[in-house]
Amino acid sequence: MAIRQSKTKSQMGTKRPKLRGRRKKKESLAEQRSHFRGTEDFNWLPMMDLLAYKQITNDPDHLIQLKESQDGWADLLTVRGQGVGTMSMNQQGNLIQGFYHFLQAYLEDVTFIISPFPVDTGRQQAFWGRRYERITQQIAREQNPRRRLQLQMQQRYIRDKQRTNIEVEKQLVSEEFIIVLFGKDKHTLRQNRQAAIQYGGSSLILEEISLEKKEETLFQINNLNTRVK
């Protein structure tokens, strides 16, 4: 019994430091999580913690002021697709080398996001909408029955095209690649953005995002189960 009791005390003695160690580790992770900058390896961290923000500036840059003052500022740029599947092996190799150069040259905090968005057929709908209005006006003025019938057939064709465009937006989703840049203040962020665009070159083509698209992207990131219209 004495040996058994001694063994139990020994086991209890070894467990307590582990519990304290786990508690310290948990507190350390919580502290690091509160200062997450986008480059740490926390795959389980919700994106809403990364991009919790106060406001978007009302200027041509539309910079994002992050919620925590120590996190500073952020900006979003879109990565233009380049049709890698249609490239030759040499072209693909050059593209990879260019991206590798970007990762070596750009040393500031950065993260990439793949964000799902509905396929945008707004331009197509606007084009066919203008055609529809023009043909409708021609039908109203046309006196020749044969020509009027031809215009009505064109009108039906345009209606079918518009229905297709609307269904495409409802059913299909495209993946857009977004890069998030950080800076301690607006001036630093602008410098980082310019450097990222320069280092990306023709391999990682970075483009600025409009205010409307930036707001949609932030909404999509923070509401992953909600479809952007």
Protein backbone atom coordinates (compact mmCIF):
# COMPACT_ATOMS: atom_id res chain seq x y z
CA MET A 1 0.00 0.00 0.00
CA ALA A 2 2.83 2.37 0.81
CA ILE A 3 4.41 1.79 -2.58
CA ARG A 4 1.08 2.29 -4.30
CA GLN A 5 0.41 5.49 -2.36
CA SER A 6 3.89 6.79 -3.16
CA LYS A 7 3.32 6.05 -6.84
CA THR A 8 0.02 7.91 -6.81
CA LYS A 9 1.63 10.98 -5.27
CA SER A 10 4.37 10.81 -7.87
CA GLN A 11 1.80 10.68 -10.64
CA MET A 12 -0.07 13.62 -9.16
CA GLY A 13 3.15 15.54 -8.86
CA THR A 14 3.97 15.05 -12.51
CA LYS A 15 0.50 16.04 -13.72
CA ARG A 16 0.29 19.43 -12.02
CA PRO A 17 3.19 21.05 -13.88
CA LYS A 18 1.66 19.82 -17.15
CA LEU A 19 -1.62 21.50 -16.32
CA ARG A 20 0.16 24.74 -15.53
CA GLY A 21 2.16 24.39 -18.72
CA ARG A 22 -1.00 23.90 -20.76
CA ARG A 23 -2.60 26.92 -19.12
CA LYS A 24 0.42 29.07 -19.92
CA LYS A 25 0.48 27.74 -23.47
CA LYS A 26 -3.22 28.50 -23.87
CA GLU A 27 -2.72 32.04 -22.57
CA SER A 28 0.24 32.50 -24.90
CA LEU A 29 -1.80 31.38 -27.91
CA ALA A 30 -4.63 33.70 -26.92
CA GLU A 31 -2.22 36.60 -26.69
CA GLN A 32 -0.67 35.80 -30.08
CA ARG A 33 -4.11 35.41 -31.59
CA SER A 34 -5.12 38.89 -30.44
CA HIS A 35 -2.13 40.29 -32.37
CA PHE A 36 -2.45 38.11 -35.45
CA ARG A 37 -0.81 39.78 -38.43
CA GLY A 38 -1.46 37.32 -41.24
CA THR A 39 1.89 35.50 -41.44
CA GLU A 40 1.65 33.28 -38.34
CA ASP A 41 0.63 29.65 -38.73
CA PHE A 42 -2.88 29.72 -37.23
CA ASN A 43 -5.01 27.90 -39.78
CA TRP A 44 -7.94 27.73 -37.37
CA LEU A 45 -8.17 31.49 -36.90
CA PRO A 46 -11.42 32.95 -38.33
CA MET A 47 -10.85 35.55 -41.03
CA MET A 48 -13.18 37.94 -39.23
CA ASP A 49 -10.53 38.20 -36.49
CA LEU A 50 -7.91 39.02 -39.10
CA LEU A 51 -9.91 41.75 -40.84
CA ALA A 52 -12.00 43.22 -38.04
CA TYR A 53 -11.94 46.89 -39.00
CA LYS A 54 -13.22 50.28 -37.87
CA GLN A 55 -13.69 52.03 -41.18
CA ILE A 56 -12.64 52.45 -44.80
CA THR A 57 -11.17 55.85 -45.58
CA ASN A 58 -13.19 58.18 -47.79
CA ASP A 59 -10.40 58.93 -50.25
CA PRO A 60 -9.17 57.46 -53.56
CA ASP A 61 -7.12 54.77 -51.74
CA HIS A 62 -10.00 53.45 -49.57
CA LEU A 63 -7.58 52.10 -46.95
CA ILE A 64 -8.88 49.88 -44.15
CA GLN A 65 -8.34 50.98 -40.56
CA LEU A 66 -8.14 47.84 -38.44
CA LYS A 67 -10.06 47.54 -35.19
CA GLU A 68 -7.03 47.13 -32.94
CA SER A 69 -4.81 50.21 -32.97
CA GLN A 70 -1.61 48.13 -32.73
CA ASP A 71 -2.58 46.32 -35.95
CA GLY A 72 -2.57 49.56 -37.92
CA TRP A 73 -3.95 49.57 -41.46
CA ALA A 74 -4.65 47.10 -44.26
CA ASP A 75 -5.47 47.12 -47.96
CA LEU A 76 -6.82 44.58 -50.43
CA LEU A 77 -5.56 43.99 -53.95
CA THR A 78 -6.88 41.46 -56.42
CA VAL A 79 -4.57 38.99 -58.16
CA ARG A 80 -5.26 38.90 -61.89
CA GLY A 81 -5.73 35.45 -63.37
CA GLN A 82 -3.29 34.49 -66.11
CA GLY A 83 -4.67 31.29 -67.63
CA VAL A 84 -1.90 28.99 -66.43
CA GLY A 85 -3.61 26.00 -68.05
CA THR A 86 -2.99 27.44 -71.51
CA MET A 87 0.70 28.24 -70.89
CA SER A 88 3.69 26.20 -72.03
CA MET A 89 5.94 24.50 -69.48
CA ASN A 90 8.54 27.26 -69.85
CA GLN A 91 5.94 29.97 -69.29
CA GLN A 92 4.63 28.18 -66.21
CA GLY A 93 8.18 27.85 -64.88
CA ASN A 94 8.82 31.56 -65.40
CA LEU A 95 5.59 32.36 -63.58
CA ILE A 96 6.61 30.23 -60.61
CA GLN A 97 10.05 31.82 -60.51
CA GLY A 98 8.48 35.27 -60.56
CA PHE A 99 6.20 34.40 -57.65
CA TYR A 100 9.17 32.96 -55.75
CA HIS A 101 11.01 36.24 -56.34
CA PHE A 102 8.05 38.15 -54.90
CA LEU A 103 8.10 36.05 -51.72
CA GLN A 104 11.83 36.70 -51.33
CA ALA A 105 11.72 40.42 -52.10
CA TYR A 106 8.56 41.51 -50.28
CA LEU A 107 9.37 41.13 -46.58
CA GLU A 108 6.34 42.85 -45.02
CA ASP A 109 3.31 41.09 -43.55
CA VAL A 110 1.03 39.68 -46.22
CA THR A 111 -1.62 37.01 -46.60
CA PHE A 112 -3.63 35.56 -49.49
CA ILE A 113 -7.37 34.90 -49.50
CA ILE A 114 -9.43 32.82 -51.92
CA SER A 115 -12.87 34.41 -51.87
CA PRO A 116 -15.92 32.97 -53.69
CA PHE A 117 -18.01 35.46 -55.64
CA PRO A 118 -20.92 35.04 -58.04
CA VAL A 119 -19.95 35.25 -61.69
CA ASP A 120 -20.49 38.88 -62.71
CA THR A 121 -22.53 39.26 -65.90
CA GLY A 122 -23.36 42.91 -65.29
CA ARG A 123 -21.62 44.12 -68.45
CA GLN A 124 -23.36 41.52 -70.61
CA GLN A 125 -26.73 42.40 -69.10
CA ALA A 126 -26.14 46.11 -69.69
CA PHE A 127 -25.14 45.46 -73.32
CA TRP A 128 -28.18 43.31 -74.11
CA GLY A 129 -30.41 45.69 -72.16
CA ARG A 130 -29.41 48.55 -74.44
CA ARG A 131 -29.99 46.36 -77.50
CA TYR A 132 -33.42 45.39 -76.20
CA GLU A 133 -34.49 49.01 -75.68
CA ARG A 134 -33.27 50.01 -79.14
CA ILE A 135 -35.09 47.15 -80.87
CA THR A 136 -38.26 47.84 -78.86
CA GLN A 137 -38.22 51.42 -80.13
CA GLN A 138 -37.67 50.21 -83.71
CA ILE A 139 -40.62 47.82 -83.43
CA ALA A 140 -42.86 50.67 -82.28
CA ARG A 141 -41.94 52.71 -85.38
CA GLU A 142 -41.75 49.90 -87.96
CA GLN A 143 -44.60 49.74 -90.49
CA ASN A 144 -43.31 46.87 -92.64
CA PRO A 145 -44.83 43.59 -91.26
CA ARG A 146 -41.90 41.46 -92.45
CA ARG A 147 -39.29 43.73 -90.91
CA ARG A 148 -41.39 44.01 -87.75
CA LEU A 149 -41.43 40.21 -87.44
CA GLN A 150 -37.63 40.10 -87.81
CA LEU A 151 -37.24 42.66 -85.03
CA GLN A 152 -39.59 40.72 -82.77
CA MET A 153 -37.48 37.57 -83.30
CA GLN A 154 -34.37 39.54 -82.30
CA GLN A 155 -36.24 40.79 -79.25
CA ARG A 156 -37.05 37.22 -78.16
CA TYR A 157 -33.43 36.21 -78.70
CA ILE A 158 -32.25 39.05 -76.43
CA ARG A 159 -34.74 38.04 -73.73
CA ASP A 160 -33.32 34.51 -73.81
CA LYS A 161 -29.78 35.88 -73.51
CA GLN A 162 -30.77 37.98 -70.51
CA ARG A 163 -32.40 35.00 -68.79
CA THR A 164 -29.19 33.02 -69.34
CA ASN A 165 -27.05 35.82 -67.88
CA ILE A 166 -29.28 36.06 -64.80
CA GLU A 167 -29.19 32.29 -64.24
CA VAL A 168 -25.39 32.27 -64.58
CA GLU A 169 -25.12 34.84 -61.78
CA LYS A 170 -27.50 32.84 -59.60
CA GLN A 171 -25.90 29.43 -60.13
CA LEU A 172 -22.19 29.88 -60.83
CA VAL A 173 -19.49 31.03 -58.41
CA SER A 174 -15.95 32.08 -59.30
CA GLU A 175 -12.94 32.08 -56.98
CA GLU A 176 -11.08 35.36 -56.72
CA PHE A 177 -7.60 35.63 -55.25
CA ILE A 178 -7.11 38.57 -52.90
CA ILE A 179 -3.86 39.71 -51.30
CA VAL A 180 -4.00 41.53 -47.95
CA LEU A 181 -1.24 44.04 -47.18
CA PHE A 182 -0.53 45.65 -43.81
CA GLY A 183 1.13 48.82 -42.56
CA LYS A 184 1.55 50.55 -39.21
CA ASP A 185 0.14 53.77 -40.70
CA LYS A 186 -1.36 54.98 -43.97
CA HIS A 187 1.96 56.23 -45.35
CA THR A 188 3.70 52.91 -44.66
CA LEU A 189 0.79 50.98 -46.14
CA ARG A 190 0.93 53.00 -49.36
CA GLN A 191 4.66 52.29 -49.61
CA ASN A 192 4.06 48.58 -49.00
CA ARG A 193 1.35 48.50 -51.64
CA GLN A 194 3.60 50.12 -54.22
CA ALA A 195 6.43 47.72 -53.36
CA ALA A 196 4.13 44.69 -53.65
CA ILE A 197 2.90 45.79 -57.09
CA GLN A 198 6.49 46.39 -58.21
CA TYR A 199 7.87 43.09 -56.90
CA GLY A 200 4.90 41.16 -58.29
CA GLY A 201 5.77 42.29 -61.80
CA SER A 202 4.22 40.28 -64.61
CA SER A 203 4.12 37.05 -62.57
CA LEU A 204 1.88 38.31 -59.77
CA ILE A 205 -0.21 41.08 -61.32
CA LEU A 206 -1.82 43.03 -58.49
CA GLU A 207 -4.68 45.41 -59.17
CA GLU A 208 -6.47 47.90 -56.95
CA ILE A 209 -10.07 47.23 -55.93
CA SER A 210 -12.95 49.69 -56.04
CA LEU A 211 -14.65 50.74 -52.81
CA GLU A 212 -17.77 48.73 -53.65
CA LYS A 213 -15.78 45.57 -54.40
CA LYS A 214 -13.68 46.07 -51.27
CA GLU A 215 -16.81 46.29 -49.10
CA GLU A 216 -18.23 43.17 -50.76
CA THR A 217 -14.97 41.30 -50.16
CA LEU A 218 -14.86 42.24 -46.48
CA PHE A 219 -18.50 41.25 -46.09
CA GLN A 220 -17.85 37.90 -47.79
CA ILE A 221 -14.84 37.20 -45.55
CA ASN A 222 -16.76 37.98 -42.37
CA ASN A 223 -19.94 36.18 -43.48
CA LEU A 224 -18.73 33.03 -45.20
CA ASN A 225 -22.18 31.42 -45.35
CA THR A 226 -23.85 34.44 -46.95
CA ARG A 227 -23.94 34.81 -50.71
CA VAL A 228 -22.89 38.20 -52.07
CA LYS A 229 -25.46 39.56 -54.52
